[in-house]
Amino acid sequence: QEQTAIEPDRFTRRKIDVEGQTRDRDRGRDREDRSFAPLEGSPDVEGKGPIPEIVIIAEEYAERNGIPYERQSEYVDINPDLSTRIADAYDKMPHDPQNPEVKEAYRDLIKQTRDQYDALVDNGYTFSFFDSNSDPYGGNPFNSMRDFRYNKNMAVYGTYDGYGTEGITGAAIEDNPLLEDTGLVWKDQDGIDRPVVANDLFRAVHDAFGHGIEGAGFRARGEENAWQAHARLFTGPAIKAMTSETRGQNSWLNYGPYGEQNQTAKLEDTIFAEQKTGVMPS
């Protein structure tokens, strides 16, 4: 499920010398423990393994922010029992955006996400939107990561076009901090400027670091490893919120009531988790 055939498209043509890029971007730091080799068990696709510059940006971001950062040592297997328990915890988690603990966690998530985004932009990475009628990646999320790896660009599915299974309602906008306007603007595939909400920013940053640091895939095992990779860049209350938004939602998607269907479904046939603002049990 994690493997995707190599596609001869514009995301595989503009290859760079990754080792040369790494030397140029290393800024003189000599790290004997750094490795850009793919973790055993990670997806064997074209453009596999860590994106070297993203690893370096993550290390430098952690150092600047006093985060005791250490990359994962293995590409973890799914524990179905644990994932089912997490799915159940997410299912039972109340939507409780006015709870002080939840408010703190999401405020902190948005702040740290913006800081991580700024680190990516400062290093030349760019972002744009696509929607259900303009996907430049042909429905293949690995193509978005190839675009990011080789071209330092990523088009992100816009929250304006879809949010969960139910979509956005007026009540949701008023009651969900991730639907707040960040003040940023990205262009869509037609060149139209569109406002970036906090959910757009988090999904972009999560793909960059969660899927880019170790080359994690996009099915159940890949999403678990994306959480493993990205959680290490957060500190404090934000970890609770990012876990609900990633590990919680993805466990529900793959091991919740529609898990068996979702694990092999196409995107358009997937039943997504309810978009809730809350914190699961520790």
Protein backbone atom coordinates (compact mmCIF):
# COMPACT_ATOMS: atom_id res chain seq x y z
CA GLN A 1 0.00 0.00 0.00
CA GLU A 2 2.94 2.32 0.62
CA GLN A 3 4.57 1.67 -2.74
CA THR A 4 3.78 3.76 -5.79
CA ALA A 5 5.21 3.20 -9.26
CA ILE A 6 7.62 5.75 -10.66
CA GLU A 7 5.76 8.16 -12.92
CA PRO A 8 7.65 10.00 -15.68
CA ASP A 9 6.20 13.44 -14.99
CA ARG A 10 7.42 16.95 -14.25
CA PHE A 11 8.06 15.99 -10.64
CA THR A 12 10.75 13.47 -11.58
CA ARG A 13 12.48 15.44 -14.33
CA ARG A 14 13.93 18.36 -12.40
CA LYS A 15 16.24 16.30 -10.24
CA ILE A 16 19.09 17.90 -8.31
CA ASP A 17 22.35 16.54 -6.94
CA VAL A 18 21.06 15.81 -3.47
CA GLU A 19 24.51 15.13 -2.05
CA GLY A 20 25.78 18.37 -3.55
CA GLN A 21 22.78 20.22 -2.16
CA THR A 22 23.50 18.78 1.24
CA ARG A 23 27.09 19.94 1.17
CA ASP A 24 26.05 23.42 0.04
CA ARG A 25 23.34 23.71 2.67
CA ASP A 26 25.28 22.21 5.54
CA ARG A 27 26.63 25.63 6.55
CA GLY A 28 29.81 24.04 7.82
CA ARG A 29 28.18 21.91 10.49
CA ASP A 30 29.93 18.58 10.94
CA ARG A 31 27.44 16.03 12.21
CA GLU A 32 28.79 12.50 12.31
CA ASP A 33 25.41 11.16 13.49
CA ARG A 34 23.47 12.58 10.54
CA SER A 35 22.28 10.12 7.93
CA PHE A 36 20.17 10.59 4.84
CA ALA A 37 19.78 6.87 4.20
CA PRO A 38 16.16 5.66 4.06
CA LEU A 39 14.99 3.84 7.18
CA GLU A 40 14.45 0.14 6.63
CA GLY A 41 10.81 -0.46 5.76
CA SER A 42 10.11 3.07 4.51
CA PRO A 43 8.37 3.38 1.11
CA ASP A 44 10.50 2.19 -1.80
CA VAL A 45 9.46 4.85 -4.30
CA GLU A 46 11.30 7.21 -6.62
CA GLY A 47 12.58 10.05 -4.47
CA LYS A 48 12.56 7.87 -1.36
CA GLY A 49 13.99 8.49 2.08
CA PRO A 50 14.78 11.77 3.85
CA ILE A 51 14.82 15.10 2.04
CA PRO A 52 18.32 16.17 3.12
CA GLU A 53 17.67 19.91 3.32
CA ILE A 54 14.47 19.37 5.30
CA VAL A 55 16.46 17.32 7.82
CA ILE A 56 18.97 20.15 8.16
CA ILE A 57 16.23 22.78 8.53
CA ALA A 58 14.58 20.66 11.23
CA GLU A 59 17.86 20.31 13.12
CA GLU A 60 18.56 24.02 12.95
CA TYR A 61 14.99 24.92 13.93
CA ALA A 62 15.20 22.62 16.96
CA GLU A 63 18.58 24.06 17.97
CA ARG A 64 17.31 27.66 17.74
CA ASN A 65 14.26 26.84 19.83
CA GLY A 66 15.98 24.75 22.49
CA ILE A 67 14.27 21.52 21.46
CA PRO A 68 16.21 18.34 22.38
CA TYR A 69 15.74 16.95 18.90
CA GLU A 70 16.52 13.38 17.91
CA ARG A 71 15.21 11.75 14.75
CA GLN A 72 13.42 8.42 14.95
CA SER A 73 15.72 5.41 14.74
CA GLU A 74 13.31 3.08 12.94
CA TYR A 75 10.36 3.15 10.59
CA VAL A 76 7.84 1.81 13.05
CA ASP A 77 5.28 -0.88 12.38
CA ILE A 78 1.62 -0.33 13.12
CA ASN A 79 0.35 -1.78 16.38
CA PRO A 80 -3.29 -2.50 15.43
CA ASP A 81 -4.45 -2.81 19.04
CA LEU A 82 -2.92 0.55 20.00
CA SER A 83 -4.19 2.21 16.83
CA THR A 84 -7.70 0.90 17.53
CA ARG A 85 -7.53 2.29 21.07
CA ILE A 86 -6.39 5.67 19.72
CA ALA A 87 -9.20 5.59 17.14
CA ASP A 88 -11.69 4.94 19.93
CA ALA A 89 -10.20 7.74 22.03
CA TYR A 90 -10.56 10.16 19.13
CA ASP A 91 -14.11 9.00 18.51
CA LYS A 92 -15.01 9.66 22.16
CA MET A 93 -13.07 12.92 22.41
CA PRO A 94 -15.52 15.83 22.71
CA HIS A 95 -15.35 18.84 20.44
CA ASP A 96 -14.47 21.28 23.21
CA PRO A 97 -12.77 24.38 21.78
CA GLN A 98 -13.63 26.54 24.81
CA ASN A 99 -11.91 24.20 27.25
CA PRO A 100 -8.85 26.07 28.64
CA GLU A 101 -6.54 23.08 28.08
CA VAL A 102 -7.74 22.71 24.49
CA LYS A 103 -7.46 26.44 23.82
CA GLU A 104 -3.89 26.49 25.09
CA ALA A 105 -2.91 23.46 23.02
CA TYR A 106 -4.30 24.85 19.78
CA ARG A 107 -2.93 28.36 20.33
CA ASP A 108 0.48 26.79 20.88
CA LEU A 109 0.09 24.53 17.83
CA ILE A 110 -0.70 27.48 15.57
CA LYS A 111 2.23 29.52 16.90
CA GLN A 112 4.79 26.73 16.52
CA THR A 113 3.40 25.79 13.11
CA ARG A 114 3.90 29.37 11.91
CA ASP A 115 7.46 29.33 13.23
CA GLN A 116 8.18 26.09 11.35
CA TYR A 117 6.58 27.50 8.20
CA ASP A 118 8.76 30.60 8.41
CA ALA A 119 11.84 28.36 8.65
CA LEU A 120 10.82 26.62 5.41
CA VAL A 121 10.11 29.88 3.58
CA ASP A 122 13.39 31.38 4.78
CA ASN A 123 15.11 28.47 3.05
CA GLY A 124 13.37 29.05 -0.27
CA TYR A 125 10.37 26.72 -0.08
CA THR A 126 7.10 27.89 -1.62
CA PHE A 127 3.46 26.80 -1.32
CA SER A 128 0.28 27.10 -3.33
CA PHE A 129 -3.24 25.66 -3.37
CA PHE A 130 -5.09 23.12 -5.45
CA ASP A 131 -8.68 21.91 -5.21
CA SER A 132 -10.79 18.99 -6.37
CA ASN A 133 -10.76 20.32 -9.94
CA SER A 134 -7.08 21.23 -10.25
CA ASP A 135 -4.87 18.59 -8.63
CA PRO A 136 -1.42 18.90 -10.27
CA TYR A 137 -0.33 15.61 -8.70
CA GLY A 138 -2.91 13.33 -10.27
CA GLY A 139 -4.18 12.14 -6.89
CA ASN A 140 -0.73 10.80 -5.93
CA PRO A 141 0.58 12.37 -2.70
CA PHE A 142 4.07 11.04 -3.41
CA ASN A 143 4.16 13.43 -6.37
CA SER A 144 3.69 16.36 -4.00
CA MET A 145 6.72 15.19 -2.04
CA ARG A 146 8.75 14.78 -5.24
CA ASP A 147 7.80 18.35 -6.18
CA PHE A 148 8.92 19.47 -2.72
CA ARG A 149 12.14 17.47 -2.87
CA TYR A 150 13.25 18.50 -6.36
CA ASN A 151 11.58 21.87 -6.90
CA LYS A 152 11.15 23.23 -3.33
CA ASN A 153 7.45 23.74 -4.05
CA MET A 154 4.29 22.12 -2.72
CA ALA A 155 0.68 22.59 -3.74
CA VAL A 156 -1.67 21.95 -0.80
CA TYR A 157 -5.30 20.86 -0.99
CA GLY A 158 -7.18 23.95 0.14
CA THR A 159 -9.41 23.93 3.20
CA TYR A 160 -11.69 26.24 1.20
CA ASP A 161 -12.55 23.27 -1.05
CA GLY A 162 -12.99 20.57 1.59
CA TYR A 163 -12.65 19.96 5.30
CA GLY A 164 -13.27 16.47 6.65
CA THR A 165 -16.25 14.64 5.18
CA GLU A 166 -18.89 17.24 6.00
CA GLY A 167 -17.05 20.33 4.75
CA ILE A 168 -16.99 23.76 6.35
CA THR A 169 -20.06 25.30 7.91
CA GLY A 170 -20.56 28.75 9.38
CA ALA A 171 -20.66 27.24 12.85
CA ALA A 172 -17.35 25.45 12.24
CA ILE A 173 -15.60 28.68 11.26
CA GLU A 174 -16.70 30.33 14.48
CA ASP A 175 -15.80 27.35 16.63
CA ASN A 176 -12.50 26.02 15.29
CA PRO A 177 -9.16 27.81 15.76
CA LEU A 178 -7.68 26.01 12.73
CA LEU A 179 -10.14 27.85 10.50
CA GLU A 180 -8.76 31.23 11.53
CA ASP A 181 -7.15 33.40 8.86
CA THR A 182 -3.36 33.47 9.21
CA GLY A 183 -2.96 36.65 7.18
CA LEU A 184 -1.00 34.71 4.54
CA VAL A 185 -2.05 34.39 0.91
CA TRP A 186 -1.18 31.58 -1.53
CA LYS A 187 -2.15 31.34 -5.17
CA ASP A 188 -4.33 28.53 -6.45
CA GLN A 189 -3.64 26.68 -9.72
CA ASP A 190 -5.35 29.47 -11.68
CA GLY A 191 -3.15 32.13 -10.12
CA ILE A 192 -5.92 33.48 -7.91
CA ASP A 193 -4.89 34.68 -4.45
CA ARG A 194 -6.59 32.79 -1.63
CA PRO A 195 -6.34 33.35 2.13
CA VAL A 196 -4.47 30.72 4.13
CA VAL A 197 -6.21 29.45 7.25
CA ALA A 198 -4.35 27.78 10.11
CA ASN A 199 -5.42 24.33 8.93
CA ASP A 200 -3.81 24.94 5.51
CA LEU A 201 -0.60 26.02 7.21
CA PHE A 202 -0.51 23.01 9.51
CA ARG A 203 -1.19 20.51 6.71
CA ALA A 204 1.59 22.03 4.60
CA VAL A 205 4.10 22.06 7.45
CA HIS A 206 3.11 18.53 8.49
CA ASP A 207 3.70 17.21 4.98
CA ALA A 208 7.04 19.02 4.83
CA PHE A 209 8.43 17.76 8.11
CA GLY A 210 6.23 14.78 8.96
CA HIS A 211 6.56 13.16 5.55
CA GLY A 212 9.78 14.83 4.41
CA ILE A 213 12.18 14.09 7.26
CA GLU A 214 12.10 10.29 6.81
CA GLY A 215 10.10 9.89 3.60
CA ALA A 216 6.98 8.57 5.35
CA GLY A 217 4.11 7.31 3.20
CA PHE A 218 0.42 8.17 3.24
CA ARG A 219 -1.41 5.03 4.30
CA ALA A 220 -1.79 3.83 7.90
CA ARG A 221 1.86 2.99 8.56
CA GLY A 222 3.11 6.08 6.76
CA GLU A 223 0.86 8.43 8.73
CA GLU A 224 1.97 6.87 12.01
CA ASN A 225 5.58 7.48 11.01
CA ALA A 226 4.77 11.03 9.92
CA TRP A 227 3.47 11.64 13.44
CA GLN A 228 6.61 10.05 14.88
CA ALA A 229 8.82 12.34 12.79
CA HIS A 230 6.91 15.61 13.25
CA ALA A 231 6.01 15.35 16.94
CA ARG A 232 9.72 15.64 17.73
CA LEU A 233 9.74 19.24 16.47
CA PHE A 234 7.02 20.40 18.86
CA THR A 235 7.20 21.19 22.55
CA GLY A 236 4.67 21.79 25.31
CA PRO A 237 0.89 21.89 24.84
CA ALA A 238 1.15 21.95 21.03
CA ILE A 239 2.01 18.24 21.05
CA LYS A 240 -1.47 17.43 22.35
CA ALA A 241 -3.20 19.33 19.54
CA MET A 242 -0.96 18.06 16.74
CA THR A 243 -1.53 14.52 17.98
CA SER A 244 -5.30 14.92 17.81
CA GLU A 245 -4.98 16.39 14.32
CA THR A 246 -2.68 13.66 12.99
CA ARG A 247 -2.36 10.46 14.99
CA GLY A 248 -5.91 10.72 16.32
CA GLN A 249 -7.60 11.44 13.00
CA ASN A 250 -5.50 8.95 11.04
CA SER A 251 -6.04 6.18 13.60
CA TRP A 252 -9.79 6.78 13.35
CA LEU A 253 -9.59 6.77 9.55
CA ASN A 254 -7.65 3.49 9.38
CA TYR A 255 -8.79 1.64 12.53
CA GLY A 256 -12.11 3.24 13.38
CA PRO A 257 -15.60 2.16 12.26
CA TYR A 258 -14.74 2.56 8.55
CA GLY A 259 -11.12 1.46 8.87
CA GLU A 260 -11.26 -1.70 6.79
CA GLN A 261 -12.80 0.19 3.87
CA ASN A 262 -10.59 3.27 4.25
CA GLN A 263 -7.29 1.39 4.34
CA THR A 264 -7.49 0.62 0.63
CA ALA A 265 -9.96 3.28 -0.56
CA LYS A 266 -9.23 5.96 -3.12
CA LEU A 267 -9.28 9.51 -1.82
CA GLU A 268 -12.77 10.20 -3.16
CA ASP A 269 -14.13 7.07 -1.45
CA THR A 270 -12.48 7.69 1.94
CA ILE A 271 -14.65 8.50 4.95
CA PHE A 272 -12.70 11.05 6.98
CA ALA A 273 -12.80 11.61 10.71
CA GLU A 274 -15.02 14.30 12.14
CA GLN A 275 -13.09 17.55 12.49
CA LYS A 276 -13.03 18.13 16.23
CA THR A 277 -11.04 20.52 18.40
CA GLY A 278 -10.02 18.59 21.45
CA VAL A 279 -7.34 16.74 23.39
CA MET A 280 -7.20 12.96 23.81
CA PRO A 281 -6.21 11.26 27.09
CA SER A 282 -2.49 11.30 27.83
